[in-house]
Amino acid sequence: VDKEMIIKRVEKRKFLENRSDDDLNTILKRYDTYMATTKPVLEFYSKNTNFKEIDGSQEIVEITRKIDNFLNV
């Protein structure tokens, strides 16, 4: 999911759940932390033939369907 979509989703969550920790600065800090720590791990594992990547910008039903297909459920 790209940065802009993440910001939109978290801002929507803040509105729906009234979360005080979902301000823009926190969102950007979380994103930067993800890019620095998690993304390199994903890049490492992406070289494995069992690694599957899913477009997280899709609807949850479509994401779930793709996960189920990968798991042969």
C-alpha atoms as a PDB file:
ATOM      1  CA  VAL A   1       0.000   0.000   0.000  1.00  0.00           C
ATOM      2  CA  ASP A   2       1.421   3.370  -0.900  1.00  0.00           C
ATOM      3  CA  LYS A   3       2.047   6.118   1.652  1.00  0.00           C
ATOM      4  CA  GLU A   4      -0.925   8.254   0.618  1.00  0.00           C
ATOM      5  CA  MET A   5      -3.383   5.372   1.023  1.00  0.00           C
ATOM      6  CA  ILE A   6      -1.946   4.533   4.441  1.00  0.00           C
ATOM      7  CA  ILE A   7      -2.456   8.139   5.541  1.00  0.00           C
ATOM      8  CA  LYS A   8      -6.061   8.124   4.274  1.00  0.00           C
ATOM      9  CA  ARG A   9      -6.839   4.818   6.001  1.00  0.00           C
ATOM     10  CA  VAL A  10      -5.377   5.874   9.346  1.00  0.00           C
ATOM     11  CA  GLU A  11      -7.091   9.262   9.199  1.00  0.00           C
ATOM     12  CA  LYS A  12     -10.385   7.467   8.530  1.00  0.00           C
ATOM     13  CA  ARG A  13      -9.688   5.106  11.448  1.00  0.00           C
ATOM     14  CA  LYS A  14      -9.005   8.099  13.681  1.00  0.00           C
ATOM     15  CA  PHE A  15     -12.363   9.572  12.741  1.00  0.00           C
ATOM     16  CA  LEU A  16     -14.241   6.286  13.188  1.00  0.00           C
ATOM     17  CA  GLU A  17     -12.508   5.156  16.389  1.00  0.00           C
ATOM     18  CA  ASN A  18     -11.577   8.568  17.822  1.00  0.00           C
ATOM     19  CA  ARG A  19      -7.953   7.502  18.307  1.00  0.00           C
ATOM     20  CA  SER A  20      -5.702  10.242  19.611  1.00  0.00           C
ATOM     21  CA  ASP A  21      -2.528   8.449  18.423  1.00  0.00           C
ATOM     22  CA  ASP A  22      -3.480   8.674  14.743  1.00  0.00           C
ATOM     23  CA  ASP A  23      -2.248  12.190  14.044  1.00  0.00           C
ATOM     24  CA  LEU A  24      -0.237  12.903  10.886  1.00  0.00           C
ATOM     25  CA  ASN A  25       3.136  13.089  12.646  1.00  0.00           C
ATOM     26  CA  THR A  26       2.597   9.685  14.260  1.00  0.00           C
ATOM     27  CA  ILE A  27       1.449   8.191  10.965  1.00  0.00           C
ATOM     28  CA  LEU A  28       4.577   9.452   9.195  1.00  0.00           C
ATOM     29  CA  LYS A  29       6.836   8.228  12.015  1.00  0.00           C
ATOM     30  CA  ARG A  30       5.242   4.757  11.832  1.00  0.00           C
ATOM     31  CA  TYR A  31       5.689   4.719   8.069  1.00  0.00           C
ATOM     32  CA  ASP A  32       9.356   5.705   8.327  1.00  0.00           C
ATOM     33  CA  THR A  33       9.922   3.016  10.968  1.00  0.00           C
ATOM     34  CA  TYR A  34       8.293   0.438   8.700  1.00  0.00           C
ATOM     35  CA  MET A  35      10.473   1.476   5.758  1.00  0.00           C
ATOM     36  CA  ALA A  36      13.627   1.278   7.879  1.00  0.00           C
ATOM     37  CA  THR A  37      12.934  -1.982   9.695  1.00  0.00           C
ATOM     38  CA  THR A  38      10.292  -4.135   8.014  1.00  0.00           C
ATOM     39  CA  LYS A  39      10.766  -3.433   4.323  1.00  0.00           C
ATOM     40  CA  PRO A  40      14.337  -4.813   4.276  1.00  0.00           C
ATOM     41  CA  VAL A  41      13.040  -8.048   5.818  1.00  0.00           C
ATOM     42  CA  LEU A  42      10.377  -8.300   3.112  1.00  0.00           C
ATOM     43  CA  GLU A  43      12.999  -7.690   0.439  1.00  0.00           C
ATOM     44  CA  PHE A  44      15.095 -10.513   1.892  1.00  0.00           C
ATOM     45  CA  TYR A  45      12.199 -12.995   1.972  1.00  0.00           C
ATOM     46  CA  SER A  46      10.868 -11.929  -1.425  1.00  0.00           C
ATOM     47  CA  LYS A  47      13.744 -13.893  -2.987  1.00  0.00           C
ATOM     48  CA  ASN A  48      12.162 -17.100  -1.635  1.00  0.00           C
ATOM     49  CA  THR A  49       9.895 -18.924  -4.110  1.00  0.00           C
ATOM     50  CA  ASN A  50       7.251 -19.325  -1.385  1.00  0.00           C
ATOM     51  CA  PHE A  51       6.995 -15.556  -0.898  1.00  0.00           C
ATOM     52  CA  LYS A  52       3.724 -14.071  -2.130  1.00  0.00           C
ATOM     53  CA  GLU A  53       2.971 -10.383  -2.350  1.00  0.00           C
ATOM     54  CA  ILE A  54      -0.548  -9.010  -2.245  1.00  0.00           C
ATOM     55  CA  ASP A  55      -1.693  -5.538  -3.221  1.00  0.00           C
ATOM     56  CA  GLY A  56      -3.006  -4.196   0.080  1.00  0.00           C
ATOM     57  CA  SER A  57      -4.853  -1.347  -1.605  1.00  0.00           C
ATOM     58  CA  GLN A  58      -7.579  -3.722  -2.763  1.00  0.00           C
ATOM     59  CA  GLU A  59     -10.810  -4.405  -0.904  1.00  0.00           C
ATOM     60  CA  ILE A  60     -10.540  -6.732   2.097  1.00  0.00           C
ATOM     61  CA  VAL A  61     -12.669  -9.397   0.392  1.00  0.00           C
ATOM     62  CA  GLU A  62     -10.256  -9.537  -2.550  1.00  0.00           C
ATOM     63  CA  ILE A  63      -7.210  -9.603  -0.270  1.00  0.00           C
ATOM     64  CA  THR A  64      -8.743 -12.446   1.748  1.00  0.00           C
ATOM     65  CA  ARG A  65      -9.521 -14.379  -1.432  1.00  0.00           C
ATOM     66  CA  LYS A  66      -5.915 -14.076  -2.603  1.00  0.00           C
ATOM     67  CA  ILE A  67      -4.560 -15.213   0.771  1.00  0.00           C
ATOM     68  CA  ASP A  68      -6.928 -18.192   0.709  1.00  0.00           C
ATOM     69  CA  ASN A  69      -5.719 -19.054  -2.799  1.00  0.00           C
ATOM     70  CA  PHE A  70      -2.076 -18.911  -1.710  1.00  0.00           C
ATOM     71  CA  LEU A  71      -2.855 -21.164   1.248  1.00  0.00           C
ATOM     72  CA  ASN A  72      -5.066 -23.465  -0.841  1.00  0.00           C
ATOM     73  CA  VAL A  73      -7.932 -23.003   1.617  1.00  0.00           C
END
